[in-house]
C-alpha atoms as a PDB file:
ATOM      1  CA  MET A   1     -18.667 -55.978 -29.275  1.00  0.00           C
ATOM      2  CA  LYS A   2     -16.809 -54.047 -32.006  1.00  0.00           C
ATOM      3  CA  ARG A   3     -19.562 -51.416 -32.120  1.00  0.00           C
ATOM      4  CA  GLU A   4     -19.446 -50.984 -28.346  1.00  0.00           C
ATOM      5  CA  LYS A   5     -15.659 -50.656 -28.403  1.00  0.00           C
ATOM      6  CA  THR A   6     -15.895 -48.095 -31.198  1.00  0.00           C
ATOM      7  CA  LYS A   7     -18.474 -46.090 -29.270  1.00  0.00           C
ATOM      8  CA  LEU A   8     -16.319 -46.197 -26.149  1.00  0.00           C
ATOM      9  CA  LEU A   9     -13.248 -45.032 -28.089  1.00  0.00           C
ATOM     10  CA  ARG A  10     -15.208 -42.186 -29.695  1.00  0.00           C
ATOM     11  CA  GLU A  11     -16.568 -41.149 -26.322  1.00  0.00           C
ATOM     12  CA  ALA A  12     -13.098 -41.226 -24.792  1.00  0.00           C
ATOM     13  CA  VAL A  13     -11.699 -39.113 -27.649  1.00  0.00           C
ATOM     14  CA  ARG A  14     -14.555 -36.635 -27.292  1.00  0.00           C
ATOM     15  CA  VAL A  15     -14.082 -36.348 -23.532  1.00  0.00           C
ATOM     16  CA  ARG A  16     -10.337 -35.929 -23.957  1.00  0.00           C
ATOM     17  CA  SER A  17     -10.767 -33.180 -26.565  1.00  0.00           C
ATOM     18  CA  MET A  18     -13.273 -31.361 -24.349  1.00  0.00           C
ATOM     19  CA  THR A  19     -10.894 -31.615 -21.395  1.00  0.00           C
ATOM     20  CA  THR A  20      -8.044 -30.207 -23.487  1.00  0.00           C
ATOM     21  CA  LYS A  21     -10.180 -27.288 -24.687  1.00  0.00           C
ATOM     22  CA  CYS A  22     -11.368 -26.588 -21.153  1.00  0.00           C
ATOM     23  CA  ARG A  23      -7.823 -26.567 -19.815  1.00  0.00           C
ATOM     24  CA  ALA A  24      -6.643 -24.312 -22.629  1.00  0.00           C
ATOM     25  CA  SER A  25      -9.484 -21.838 -22.110  1.00  0.00           C
ATOM     26  CA  CYS A  26      -8.967 -21.881 -18.340  1.00  0.00           C
ATOM     27  CA  ARG A  27      -5.273 -21.131 -18.743  1.00  0.00           C
ATOM     28  CA  THR A  28      -6.023 -18.386 -21.232  1.00  0.00           C
ATOM     29  CA  ASN A  29      -8.728 -16.714 -19.166  1.00  0.00           C
ATOM     30  CA  CYS A  30      -7.531 -17.276 -15.619  1.00  0.00           C
ATOM     31  CA  PHE A  31      -3.749 -17.210 -15.713  1.00  0.00           C
ATOM     32  CA  ARG A  32      -3.015 -14.718 -18.462  1.00  0.00           C
ATOM     33  CA  LEU A  33      -2.611 -11.273 -16.945  1.00  0.00           C
ATOM     34  CA  LYS A  34      -2.083  -7.974 -18.665  1.00  0.00           C
ATOM     35  CA  PRO A  35       1.482  -6.605 -18.864  1.00  0.00           C
ATOM     36  CA  GLU A  36       0.557  -3.657 -16.622  1.00  0.00           C
ATOM     37  CA  THR A  37      -0.744  -6.033 -13.951  1.00  0.00           C
ATOM     38  CA  ASN A  38       2.397  -8.171 -14.190  1.00  0.00           C
ATOM     39  CA  LEU A  39       4.514  -5.032 -13.810  1.00  0.00           C
ATOM     40  CA  ALA A  40       2.559  -3.905 -10.741  1.00  0.00           C
ATOM     41  CA  LEU A  41       2.867  -7.359  -9.129  1.00  0.00           C
ATOM     42  CA  MET A  42       6.580  -7.505  -9.904  1.00  0.00           C
ATOM     43  CA  LEU A  43       7.162  -4.061  -8.388  1.00  0.00           C
ATOM     44  CA  CYS A  44       5.212  -5.062  -5.258  1.00  0.00           C
ATOM     45  CA  LEU A  45       7.389  -8.162  -4.928  1.00  0.00           C
ATOM     46  CA  VAL A  46      10.598  -6.166  -5.412  1.00  0.00           C
ATOM     47  CA  PHE A  47       9.366  -3.576  -2.897  1.00  0.00           C
ATOM     48  CA  TYR A  48       8.641  -6.293  -0.319  1.00  0.00           C
ATOM     49  CA  LEU A  49      12.039  -7.920  -0.841  1.00  0.00           C
ATOM     50  CA  TYR A  50      13.737  -4.528  -0.551  1.00  0.00           C
ATOM     51  CA  ILE A  51      11.978  -3.891   2.769  1.00  0.00           C
ATOM     52  CA  CYS A  52      13.078  -7.303   4.052  1.00  0.00           C
ATOM     53  CA  LEU A  53      16.640  -6.611   2.880  1.00  0.00           C
ATOM     54  CA  GLY A  54      16.641  -3.265   4.670  1.00  0.00           C
ATOM     55  CA  GLY A  55      15.260  -4.863   7.817  1.00  0.00           C
ATOM     56  CA  ALA A  56      17.978  -7.513   7.769  1.00  0.00           C
ATOM     57  CA  LEU A  57      20.631  -4.837   7.182  1.00  0.00           C
ATOM     58  CA  PHE A  58      19.486  -2.662  10.092  1.00  0.00           C
ATOM     59  CA  LEU A  59      19.184  -5.726  12.304  1.00  0.00           C
ATOM     60  CA  LEU A  60      22.746  -6.737  11.444  1.00  0.00           C
ATOM     61  CA  LEU A  61      24.282  -3.289  11.952  1.00  0.00           C
ATOM     62  CA  GLU A  62      22.169  -1.887  14.764  1.00  0.00           C
ATOM     63  CA  GLY A  63      20.489  -4.875  16.376  1.00  0.00           C
ATOM     64  CA  ARG A  64      23.383  -5.814  18.609  1.00  0.00           C
ATOM     65  CA  ALA A  65      24.468  -2.291  19.479  1.00  0.00           C
ATOM     66  CA  GLU A  66      23.952  -1.364  23.101  1.00  0.00           C
ATOM     67  CA  ALA A  67      23.310   2.341  23.508  1.00  0.00           C
ATOM     68  CA  PRO A  68      25.436   4.159  26.091  1.00  0.00           C
ATOM     69  CA  ASP A  69      22.403   5.464  27.954  1.00  0.00           C
ATOM     70  CA  LYS A  70      23.470   7.704  30.841  1.00  0.00           C
ATOM     71  CA  THR A  71      20.200   7.090  32.632  1.00  0.00           C
ATOM     72  CA  LEU A  72      20.804   3.352  32.704  1.00  0.00           C
ATOM     73  CA  LYS A  73      24.354   3.823  33.957  1.00  0.00           C
ATOM     74  CA  GLU A  74      23.160   6.185  36.676  1.00  0.00           C
ATOM     75  CA  ARG A  75      20.482   3.726  37.689  1.00  0.00           C
ATOM     76  CA  GLU A  76      23.022   0.913  37.874  1.00  0.00           C
ATOM     77  CA  ARG A  77      25.256   3.041  40.093  1.00  0.00           C
ATOM     78  CA  LEU A  78      22.409   3.866  42.470  1.00  0.00           C
ATOM     79  CA  LEU A  79      21.219   0.256  42.636  1.00  0.00           C
ATOM     80  CA  ARG A  80      24.542  -0.880  44.114  1.00  0.00           C
ATOM     81  CA  GLU A  81      23.365   0.407  47.483  1.00  0.00           C
ATOM     82  CA  PHE A  82      20.498  -2.121  47.528  1.00  0.00           C
ATOM     83  CA  SER A  83      20.503  -5.858  47.959  1.00  0.00           C
ATOM     84  CA  PRO A  84      20.424  -8.122  44.871  1.00  0.00           C
ATOM     85  CA  ARG A  85      16.795  -9.025  45.511  1.00  0.00           C
ATOM     86  CA  GLN A  86      15.796  -5.387  45.771  1.00  0.00           C
ATOM     87  CA  GLN A  87      17.751  -4.601  42.611  1.00  0.00           C
ATOM     88  CA  VAL A  88      15.748  -7.187  40.653  1.00  0.00           C
ATOM     89  CA  THR A  89      12.469  -5.725  41.927  1.00  0.00           C
ATOM     90  CA  ILE A  90      13.521  -2.166  41.057  1.00  0.00           C
ATOM     91  CA  HIS A  91      14.679  -3.277  37.589  1.00  0.00           C
ATOM     92  CA  GLN A  92      11.333  -4.910  36.876  1.00  0.00           C
ATOM     93  CA  PHE A  93       9.431  -1.864  38.089  1.00  0.00           C
ATOM     94  CA  CYS A  94      11.492   0.571  35.985  1.00  0.00           C
ATOM     95  CA  ASP A  95      11.145  -1.591  32.869  1.00  0.00           C
ATOM     96  CA  THR A  96       7.381  -1.819  33.327  1.00  0.00           C
ATOM     97  CA  VAL A  97       7.009   1.927  33.801  1.00  0.00           C
ATOM     98  CA  ASN A  98       9.197   2.633  30.783  1.00  0.00           C
ATOM     99  CA  ARG A  99       7.204   0.251  28.595  1.00  0.00           C
ATOM    100  CA  ILE A 100       3.795   1.554  29.668  1.00  0.00           C
ATOM    101  CA  GLU A 101       4.428   5.295  29.754  1.00  0.00           C
ATOM    102  CA  ARG A 102       6.837   5.688  26.881  1.00  0.00           C
ATOM    103  CA  GLY A 103       5.898   2.730  24.682  1.00  0.00           C
ATOM    104  CA  LYS A 104       9.590   2.013  24.063  1.00  0.00           C
ATOM    105  CA  ARG A 105      11.883  -0.791  24.992  1.00  0.00           C
ATOM    106  CA  PRO A 106      15.103  -0.095  26.854  1.00  0.00           C
ATOM    107  CA  ASP A 107      17.947   0.552  24.490  1.00  0.00           C
ATOM    108  CA  HIS A 108      20.047  -2.313  25.787  1.00  0.00           C
ATOM    109  CA  VAL A 109      17.478  -4.873  24.586  1.00  0.00           C
ATOM    110  CA  LEU A 110      18.302  -6.271  21.148  1.00  0.00           C
ATOM    111  CA  TRP A 111      16.288  -5.405  18.058  1.00  0.00           C
ATOM    112  CA  SER A 112      13.990  -7.916  16.386  1.00  0.00           C
ATOM    113  CA  PHE A 113      13.493  -8.552  12.672  1.00  0.00           C
ATOM    114  CA  MET A 114       9.922  -7.255  12.914  1.00  0.00           C
ATOM    115  CA  GLU A 115      11.114  -3.964  14.378  1.00  0.00           C
ATOM    116  CA  SER A 116      13.812  -3.663  11.701  1.00  0.00           C
ATOM    117  CA  THR A 117      11.435  -4.277   8.789  1.00  0.00           C
ATOM    118  CA  ASP A 118       8.886  -1.914  10.349  1.00  0.00           C
ATOM    119  CA  PHE A 119      11.592   0.730  10.637  1.00  0.00           C
ATOM    120  CA  ALA A 120      12.596   0.207   7.000  1.00  0.00           C
ATOM    121  CA  TYR A 121       8.987   0.480   5.808  1.00  0.00           C
ATOM    122  CA  GLN A 122       8.355   3.660   7.774  1.00  0.00           C
ATOM    123  CA  VAL A 123      11.462   5.223   6.273  1.00  0.00           C
ATOM    124  CA  VAL A 124      10.927   4.443   2.570  1.00  0.00           C
ATOM    125  CA  THR A 125       7.246   5.462   2.677  1.00  0.00           C
ATOM    126  CA  ALA A 126       8.250   8.904   3.993  1.00  0.00           C
ATOM    127  CA  GLN A 127       6.365   8.446   7.257  1.00  0.00           C
ATOM    128  CA  GLY A 128       9.495   9.140   9.245  1.00  0.00           C
ATOM    129  CA  THR A 129       9.516   7.018  12.381  1.00  0.00           C
ATOM    130  CA  MET A 130       5.917   7.433  13.530  1.00  0.00           C
ATOM    131  CA  GLN A 131       5.313   3.808  14.469  1.00  0.00           C
ATOM    132  CA  THR A 132       8.878   2.765  15.263  1.00  0.00           C
ATOM    133  CA  THR A 133      10.407   2.458  18.710  1.00  0.00           C
ATOM    134  CA  ARG A 134      14.076   2.667  17.726  1.00  0.00           C
ATOM    135  CA  LEU A 135      16.764   5.184  16.817  1.00  0.00           C
ATOM    136  CA  LEU A 136      19.926   4.561  14.818  1.00  0.00           C
ATOM    137  CA  ARG A 137      23.089   5.073  16.841  1.00  0.00           C
ATOM    138  CA  THR A 138      25.974   3.361  15.036  1.00  0.00           C
ATOM    139  CA  THR A 139      27.921   4.931  12.169  1.00  0.00           C
ATOM    140  CA  GLY A 140      27.422   1.986   9.812  1.00  0.00           C
ATOM    141  CA  ALA A 141      23.663   2.012  10.351  1.00  0.00           C
ATOM    142  CA  LYS A 142      23.445   5.734   9.611  1.00  0.00           C
ATOM    143  CA  ILE A 143      25.434   5.366   6.378  1.00  0.00           C
ATOM    144  CA  SER A 144      23.261   2.409   5.357  1.00  0.00           C
ATOM    145  CA  TYR A 145      20.207   4.483   6.191  1.00  0.00           C
ATOM    146  CA  ILE A 146      21.263   7.191   3.705  1.00  0.00           C
ATOM    147  CA  ILE A 147      21.854   4.667   0.908  1.00  0.00           C
ATOM    148  CA  PHE A 148      18.672   2.760   1.737  1.00  0.00           C
ATOM    149  CA  VAL A 149      16.522   5.910   1.585  1.00  0.00           C
ATOM    150  CA  PHE A 150      18.221   7.137  -1.604  1.00  0.00           C
ATOM    151  CA  LEU A 151      17.290   3.901  -3.411  1.00  0.00           C
ATOM    152  CA  GLY A 152      14.096   3.026  -1.558  1.00  0.00           C
ATOM    153  CA  ILE A 153      12.022   6.162  -2.077  1.00  0.00           C
ATOM    154  CA  PRO A 154      12.188   6.008  -5.927  1.00  0.00           C
ATOM    155  CA  LEU A 155      11.261   2.318  -5.734  1.00  0.00           C
ATOM    156  CA  THR A 156       8.306   3.203  -3.507  1.00  0.00           C
ATOM    157  CA  VAL A 157       7.153   5.910  -5.916  1.00  0.00           C
ATOM    158  CA  LEU A 158       7.318   3.519  -8.889  1.00  0.00           C
ATOM    159  CA  THR A 159       5.447   0.816  -6.981  1.00  0.00           C
ATOM    160  CA  LEU A 160       2.679   3.138  -5.844  1.00  0.00           C
ATOM    161  CA  ARG A 161       2.445   4.603  -9.346  1.00  0.00           C
ATOM    162  CA  ALA A 162       1.867   1.132 -10.817  1.00  0.00           C
ATOM    163  CA  THR A 163      -0.611  -0.012  -8.152  1.00  0.00           C
ATOM    164  CA  GLY A 164      -2.479   3.289  -8.293  1.00  0.00           C
ATOM    165  CA  GLN A 165      -2.765   3.041 -12.069  1.00  0.00           C
ATOM    166  CA  ARG A 166      -4.238  -0.467 -11.822  1.00  0.00           C
ATOM    167  CA  LEU A 167      -6.716   0.676  -9.181  1.00  0.00           C
ATOM    168  CA  ASN A 168      -7.694   3.647 -11.346  1.00  0.00           C
ATOM    169  CA  ILE A 169      -8.279   1.340 -14.318  1.00  0.00           C
ATOM    170  CA  LEU A 170     -10.471  -0.797 -12.062  1.00  0.00           C
ATOM    171  CA  VAL A 171     -12.452   2.328 -11.149  1.00  0.00           C
ATOM    172  CA  TYR A 172     -12.988   3.174 -14.836  1.00  0.00           C
ATOM    173  CA  SER A 173     -13.979  -0.424 -15.603  1.00  0.00           C
ATOM    174  CA  THR A 174     -16.476  -0.417 -12.730  1.00  0.00           C
ATOM    175  CA  ILE A 175     -18.086   2.795 -13.971  1.00  0.00           C
ATOM    176  CA  ARG A 176     -18.381   1.396 -17.503  1.00  0.00           C
ATOM    177  CA  PHE A 177     -19.782  -1.905 -16.213  1.00  0.00           C
ATOM    178  CA  VAL A 178     -22.452  -0.174 -14.143  1.00  0.00           C
ATOM    179  CA  ASN A 179     -23.307   2.112 -17.046  1.00  0.00           C
ATOM    180  CA  VAL A 180     -23.808  -0.820 -19.452  1.00  0.00           C
ATOM    181  CA  LYS A 181     -25.361  -3.437 -17.158  1.00  0.00           C
ATOM    182  CA  VAL A 182     -27.513  -1.216 -14.953  1.00  0.00           C
ATOM    183  CA  PHE A 183     -28.425   1.758 -17.138  1.00  0.00           C
ATOM    184  CA  HIS A 184     -28.133  -0.115 -20.500  1.00  0.00           C
ATOM    185  CA  ARG A 185     -26.187   2.701 -22.155  1.00  0.00           C
ATOM    186  CA  GLN A 186     -23.264   2.153 -24.482  1.00  0.00           C
ATOM    187  CA  LEU A 187     -21.798   5.622 -23.988  1.00  0.00           C
ATOM    188  CA  THR A 188     -20.380   6.816 -20.671  1.00  0.00           C
ATOM    189  CA  PRO A 189     -20.788  10.593 -20.428  1.00  0.00           C
ATOM    190  CA  ASN A 190     -18.666  12.511 -17.923  1.00  0.00           C
ATOM    191  CA  ILE A 191     -16.700   9.393 -17.055  1.00  0.00           C
ATOM    192  CA  HIS A 192     -13.703  11.403 -15.807  1.00  0.00           C
ATOM    193  CA  ILE A 193     -15.812  13.403 -13.359  1.00  0.00           C
ATOM    194  CA  LYS A 194     -17.365  10.165 -12.124  1.00  0.00           C
ATOM    195  CA  ALA A 195     -13.909   8.628 -11.709  1.00  0.00           C
ATOM    196  CA  VAL A 196     -12.714  11.593  -9.646  1.00  0.00           C
ATOM    197  CA  LEU A 197     -15.797  11.366  -7.417  1.00  0.00           C
ATOM    198  CA  PHE A 198     -15.421   7.593  -7.123  1.00  0.00           C
ATOM    199  CA  ASN A 199     -11.766   7.866  -6.088  1.00  0.00           C
ATOM    200  CA  THR A 200     -12.628  10.616  -3.616  1.00  0.00           C
ATOM    201  CA  ALA A 201     -15.284   8.387  -2.079  1.00  0.00           C
ATOM    202  CA  ILE A 202     -12.761   5.535  -1.801  1.00  0.00           C
ATOM    203  CA  LEU A 203     -10.253   7.881  -0.141  1.00  0.00           C
ATOM    204  CA  ILE A 204     -12.806   9.121   2.406  1.00  0.00           C
ATOM    205  CA  THR A 205     -13.848   5.529   3.129  1.00  0.00           C
ATOM    206  CA  THR A 206     -10.195   4.570   3.627  1.00  0.00           C
ATOM    207  CA  LEU A 207      -9.678   7.412   6.117  1.00  0.00           C
ATOM    208  CA  LEU A 208     -12.784   6.366   8.039  1.00  0.00           C
ATOM    209  CA  MET A 209     -11.531   2.778   8.086  1.00  0.00           C
ATOM    210  CA  GLY A 210      -8.186   3.938   9.488  1.00  0.00           C
ATOM    211  CA  MET A 211      -9.912   6.063  12.116  1.00  0.00           C
ATOM    212  CA  THR A 212     -12.007   3.079  13.211  1.00  0.00           C
ATOM    213  CA  MET A 213      -9.018   0.730  13.182  1.00  0.00           C
ATOM    214  CA  TYR A 214      -6.814   2.946  15.358  1.00  0.00           C
ATOM    215  CA  SER A 215      -9.710   3.751  17.670  1.00  0.00           C
ATOM    216  CA  LEU A 216     -10.451   0.058  18.295  1.00  0.00           C
ATOM    217  CA  THR A 217      -6.877  -1.198  18.551  1.00  0.00           C
ATOM    218  CA  GLN A 218      -5.306   1.699  20.488  1.00  0.00           C
ATOM    219  CA  ASP A 219      -8.253   2.840  22.656  1.00  0.00           C
ATOM    220  CA  TRP A 220      -7.975   6.380  21.289  1.00  0.00           C
ATOM    221  CA  THR A 221     -10.783   8.841  20.781  1.00  0.00           C
ATOM    222  CA  LEU A 222     -12.186   9.259  17.274  1.00  0.00           C
ATOM    223  CA  LEU A 223     -10.593  12.694  16.972  1.00  0.00           C
ATOM    224  CA  ASP A 224      -7.135  11.417  17.949  1.00  0.00           C
ATOM    225  CA  SER A 225      -7.546   8.431  15.635  1.00  0.00           C
ATOM    226  CA  MET A 226      -8.469  10.628  12.681  1.00  0.00           C
ATOM    227  CA  PHE A 227      -5.597  12.990  13.538  1.00  0.00           C
ATOM    228  CA  TYR A 228      -3.137  10.111  13.486  1.00  0.00           C
ATOM    229  CA  THR A 229      -4.681   8.616  10.319  1.00  0.00           C
ATOM    230  CA  ILE A 230      -4.372  11.901   8.421  1.00  0.00           C
ATOM    231  CA  SER A 231      -0.763  12.271   9.597  1.00  0.00           C
ATOM    232  CA  ALA A 232       0.102   8.728   8.498  1.00  0.00           C
ATOM    233  CA  VAL A 233      -1.730   8.693   5.150  1.00  0.00           C
ATOM    234  CA  PHE A 234      -0.473  12.092   3.985  1.00  0.00           C
ATOM    235  CA  THR A 235       3.039  11.453   5.465  1.00  0.00           C
ATOM    236  CA  ILE A 236       2.967  14.592   7.595  1.00  0.00           C
ATOM    237  CA  SER A 237       4.670  12.911  10.576  1.00  0.00           C
ATOM    238  CA  ASN A 238       3.020  15.340  12.978  1.00  0.00           C
ATOM    239  CA  SER A 239       1.506  12.869  15.406  1.00  0.00           C
ATOM    240  CA  ARG A 240       4.137  12.216  18.029  1.00  0.00           C
ATOM    241  CA  GLU A 241       1.651  12.578  20.861  1.00  0.00           C
ATOM    242  CA  GLN A 242       0.174   9.155  20.097  1.00  0.00           C
ATOM    243  CA  VAL A 243       2.432   6.131  20.475  1.00  0.00           C
ATOM    244  CA  VAL A 244       1.302   3.010  18.645  1.00  0.00           C
ATOM    245  CA  ASN A 245       0.919  -0.152  20.760  1.00  0.00           C
ATOM    246  CA  LYS A 246       1.823   1.768  23.908  1.00  0.00           C
ATOM    247  CA  ASP A 247       0.036  -0.662  26.231  1.00  0.00           C
ATOM    248  CA  ILE A 248       1.091  -3.807  24.353  1.00  0.00           C
ATOM    249  CA  GLU A 249       4.257  -5.757  25.010  1.00  0.00           C
ATOM    250  CA  ASN A 250       6.791  -5.294  22.235  1.00  0.00           C
ATOM    251  CA  ASN A 251       7.390  -8.210  19.861  1.00  0.00           C
ATOM    252  CA  SER A 252       4.368 -10.063  21.197  1.00  0.00           C
ATOM    253  CA  ASP A 253       1.973 -11.737  18.777  1.00  0.00           C
ATOM    254  CA  LYS A 254      -0.536  -8.929  19.191  1.00  0.00           C
ATOM    255  CA  ASP A 255       2.100  -6.273  18.572  1.00  0.00           C
ATOM    256  CA  ILE A 256       3.315  -8.011  15.402  1.00  0.00           C
ATOM    257  CA  ILE A 257      -0.215  -8.435  14.036  1.00  0.00           C
ATOM    258  CA  TYR A 258      -1.068  -4.799  14.701  1.00  0.00           C
ATOM    259  CA  ARG A 259       2.101  -3.505  13.074  1.00  0.00           C
ATOM    260  CA  PHE A 260       1.510  -5.666   9.998  1.00  0.00           C
ATOM    261  CA  LEU A 261      -2.099  -4.464   9.830  1.00  0.00           C
ATOM    262  CA  PHE A 262      -1.086  -0.797  10.127  1.00  0.00           C
ATOM    263  CA  ASN A 263       1.550  -1.104   7.396  1.00  0.00           C
ATOM    264  CA  LEU A 264      -0.881  -2.919   5.103  1.00  0.00           C
ATOM    265  CA  PHE A 265      -3.434  -0.165   5.659  1.00  0.00           C
ATOM    266  CA  THR A 266      -0.989   2.646   4.876  1.00  0.00           C
ATOM    267  CA  PHE A 267       0.144   0.891   1.680  1.00  0.00           C
ATOM    268  CA  PHE A 268      -3.471   0.584   0.540  1.00  0.00           C
ATOM    269  CA  ALA A 269      -4.089   4.232   1.459  1.00  0.00           C
ATOM    270  CA  TYR A 270      -1.080   5.322  -0.617  1.00  0.00           C
ATOM    271  CA  THR A 271      -2.430   3.273  -3.543  1.00  0.00           C
ATOM    272  CA  VAL A 272      -5.781   5.056  -3.222  1.00  0.00           C
ATOM    273  CA  LEU A 273      -3.992   8.418  -3.221  1.00  0.00           C
ATOM    274  CA  SER A 274      -2.100   7.415  -6.354  1.00  0.00           C
ATOM    275  CA  SER A 275      -5.343   6.338  -8.019  1.00  0.00           C
ATOM    276  CA  ALA A 276      -6.930   9.691  -7.146  1.00  0.00           C
ATOM    277  CA  ALA A 277      -3.924  11.452  -8.674  1.00  0.00           C
ATOM    278  CA  TRP A 278      -4.295   9.407 -11.867  1.00  0.00           C
ATOM    279  CA  SER A 279      -8.014  10.253 -12.123  1.00  0.00           C
ATOM    280  CA  ALA A 280      -7.264  13.950 -11.567  1.00  0.00           C
ATOM    281  CA  HIS A 281      -4.650  13.749 -14.332  1.00  0.00           C
ATOM    282  CA  HIS A 282      -7.160  12.178 -16.741  1.00  0.00           C
ATOM    283  CA  PHE A 283      -9.796  14.775 -15.833  1.00  0.00           C
ATOM    284  CA  THR A 284      -7.500  17.758 -16.485  1.00  0.00           C
ATOM    285  CA  ARG A 285      -6.322  16.149 -19.722  1.00  0.00           C
ATOM    286  CA  HIS A 286      -9.941  15.621 -20.755  1.00  0.00           C
ATOM    287  CA  MET A 287     -10.844  19.261 -20.029  1.00  0.00           C
ATOM    288  CA  ARG A 288      -7.839  20.495 -21.999  1.00  0.00           C
ATOM    289  CA  PHE A 289      -8.728  18.371 -25.028  1.00  0.00           C
ATOM    290  CA  LYS A 290     -12.379  19.388 -24.735  1.00  0.00           C
ATOM    291  CA  ALA A 291     -11.432  23.076 -24.800  1.00  0.00           C
ATOM    292  CA  GLN A 292      -9.294  22.429 -27.876  1.00  0.00           C
ATOM    293  CA  ASN A 293     -12.230  20.663 -29.536  1.00  0.00           C
ATOM    294  CA  GLN A 294     -14.545  23.581 -28.848  1.00  0.00           C
ATOM    295  CA  ARG A 295     -11.994  26.036 -30.195  1.00  0.00           C
ATOM    296  CA  SER A 296     -11.584  23.935 -33.340  1.00  0.00           C
ATOM    297  CA  ALA A 297     -15.372  23.695 -33.785  1.00  0.00           C
ATOM    298  CA  LYS A 298     -15.702  27.483 -33.610  1.00  0.00           C
ATOM    299  CA  ASN A 299     -13.063  27.837 -36.297  1.00  0.00           C
ATOM    300  CA  GLY A 300     -14.993  25.450 -38.531  1.00  0.00           C
ATOM    301  CA  SER A 301     -12.385  22.682 -38.565  1.00  0.00           C
ATOM    302  CA  THR A 302     -12.864  19.024 -37.682  1.00  0.00           C
ATOM    303  CA  CYS A 303     -12.205  17.609 -34.214  1.00  0.00           C
ATOM    304  CA  PRO A 304      -8.528  16.543 -34.077  1.00  0.00           C
ATOM    305  CA  TRP A 305      -8.299  15.767 -30.355  1.00  0.00           C
ATOM    306  CA  VAL A 306     -10.221  12.524 -30.057  1.00  0.00           C
ATOM    307  CA  GLU A 307      -8.049   9.895 -28.349  1.00  0.00           C
ATOM    308  CA  ILE A 308      -8.037  11.080 -24.751  1.00  0.00           C
ATOM    309  CA  THR A 309      -8.507   7.969 -22.611  1.00  0.00           C
ATOM    310  CA  SER A 310      -7.682   4.953 -24.778  1.00  0.00           C
ATOM    311  CA  GLN A 311      -3.978   5.012 -23.894  1.00  0.00           C
ATOM    312  CA  ALA A 312      -4.388   6.611 -20.460  1.00  0.00           C
ATOM    313  CA  VAL A 313      -6.943   4.110 -19.185  1.00  0.00           C
ATOM    314  CA  SER A 314      -5.544   0.947 -20.724  1.00  0.00           C
ATOM    315  CA  PRO A 315      -3.342   0.308 -23.768  1.00  0.00           C
ATOM    316  CA  SER A 316      -5.272  -2.919 -24.508  1.00  0.00           C
ATOM    317  CA  LYS A 317      -8.820  -1.532 -24.632  1.00  0.00           C
ATOM    318  CA  SER A 318     -11.244  -2.762 -27.271  1.00  0.00           C
ATOM    319  CA  THR A 319     -12.355  -0.826 -30.346  1.00  0.00           C
ATOM    320  CA  ARG A 320     -15.792  -0.173 -28.846  1.00  0.00           C
ATOM    321  CA  ASP A 321     -14.241   1.490 -25.798  1.00  0.00           C
ATOM    322  CA  ARG A 322     -12.067   3.643 -28.055  1.00  0.00           C
ATOM    323  CA  GLU A 323     -15.124   4.748 -30.038  1.00  0.00           C
ATOM    324  CA  THR A 324     -16.986   5.400 -26.787  1.00  0.00           C
ATOM    325  CA  ASP A 325     -14.225   7.696 -25.597  1.00  0.00           C
ATOM    326  CA  ARG A 326     -14.176   9.455 -28.956  1.00  0.00           C
ATOM    327  CA  GLU A 327     -17.930  10.080 -28.965  1.00  0.00           C
ATOM    328  CA  SER A 328     -18.108  11.155 -25.331  1.00  0.00           C
ATOM    329  CA  VAL A 329     -15.582  13.937 -25.982  1.00  0.00           C
ATOM    330  CA  CYS A 330     -16.468  15.206 -29.416  1.00  0.00           C
END
C-alpha cells in the first residue's frame, strides 16, 4: 500500500510539473507579443475609440438639427391644397423618389450613430465624404469638425504607419521562410526587390478585391467599380457619380453591413499602401548602401555599410538574420 501511494504521489507531482511547464511555455509563446505589435494594436484601438468619439460628437451636435430646406418648405406650402390623405401619398412618393434617385435621406430625418461614425471615418482618412449622406450645417458641428480633423489625421497617419510596418515585416518574414523551407538556402539575395514586388502584388490583389466587392454589392460595371476603388484607396475623392448603397434603405441591416465592410476594406488598403511605402524605403536605402559599398571597395577600404535591414525590418531579429543581411549586401 505504501509503495502504491508513493507511486501515485510521484505521478501526481510529475503531472503537475508538466502542466506547469506547459502553461508557462504556452503563455510565453502564445501571449507574449513584440513591442511593435503591441504598439500597432494600441494605436488601432485608440483610432477606433477616436472614431466612435467623433461619431458621438457629430450625432450630439448635428443629429437633431433640422435643415431649413427651401424645397421642403415649398412642398409643404403646395400640399396644403390637397386633402390629408393625398398629402400622405405625395409625401411617401417624394421620399421614395429622393431615396432611390439621390441615395440621400431627407434632411429633416435625424442622424444615426452609424452615419455619424461613418462620417467621422471618411473625414479622418482623407476620403472626404464619398460614402456619406450628410452635410454639416450647425456652427458647433463645423467647429468640432475642424478640431476633429486637426487631431484625427495625425492619429490616422501614425496608426497606418504602425500597421503598415507590421505588414511589411510579415512580408519579409514570408520571403525568408519560403527561401529557407522551400529552396533550402540560408541567404536571401535581393530580398528588398522581392519585398517590393510582393507588396505590389498585394496592392493589385487588394484593388481587384475592391472592384469585385463594389461590383457585386452595388450592381456597378467593373470599370465603374475600379474607378471608385481607385478613388477611395488613393483618397482622390473624384467619384461623385457613384453613390454607395443608392438602392438600399438607409440604416437598414444591409446598409450597416455594407458600410462596415467598405470601411474595413479601405483601412486594409491603406495598410497595404503603407507597407508598400516601407518596402520602397528599404529598397532605396539598400541601393544607397550598396553604392557606398562599391565605392569603398574600389578605394580599397573595407565595407563599412553593413547593417541595412536589421533595425529597419525588426529590432528583435536574431544574429543569423543580421549576418544574412550583412552577407547579402557586401
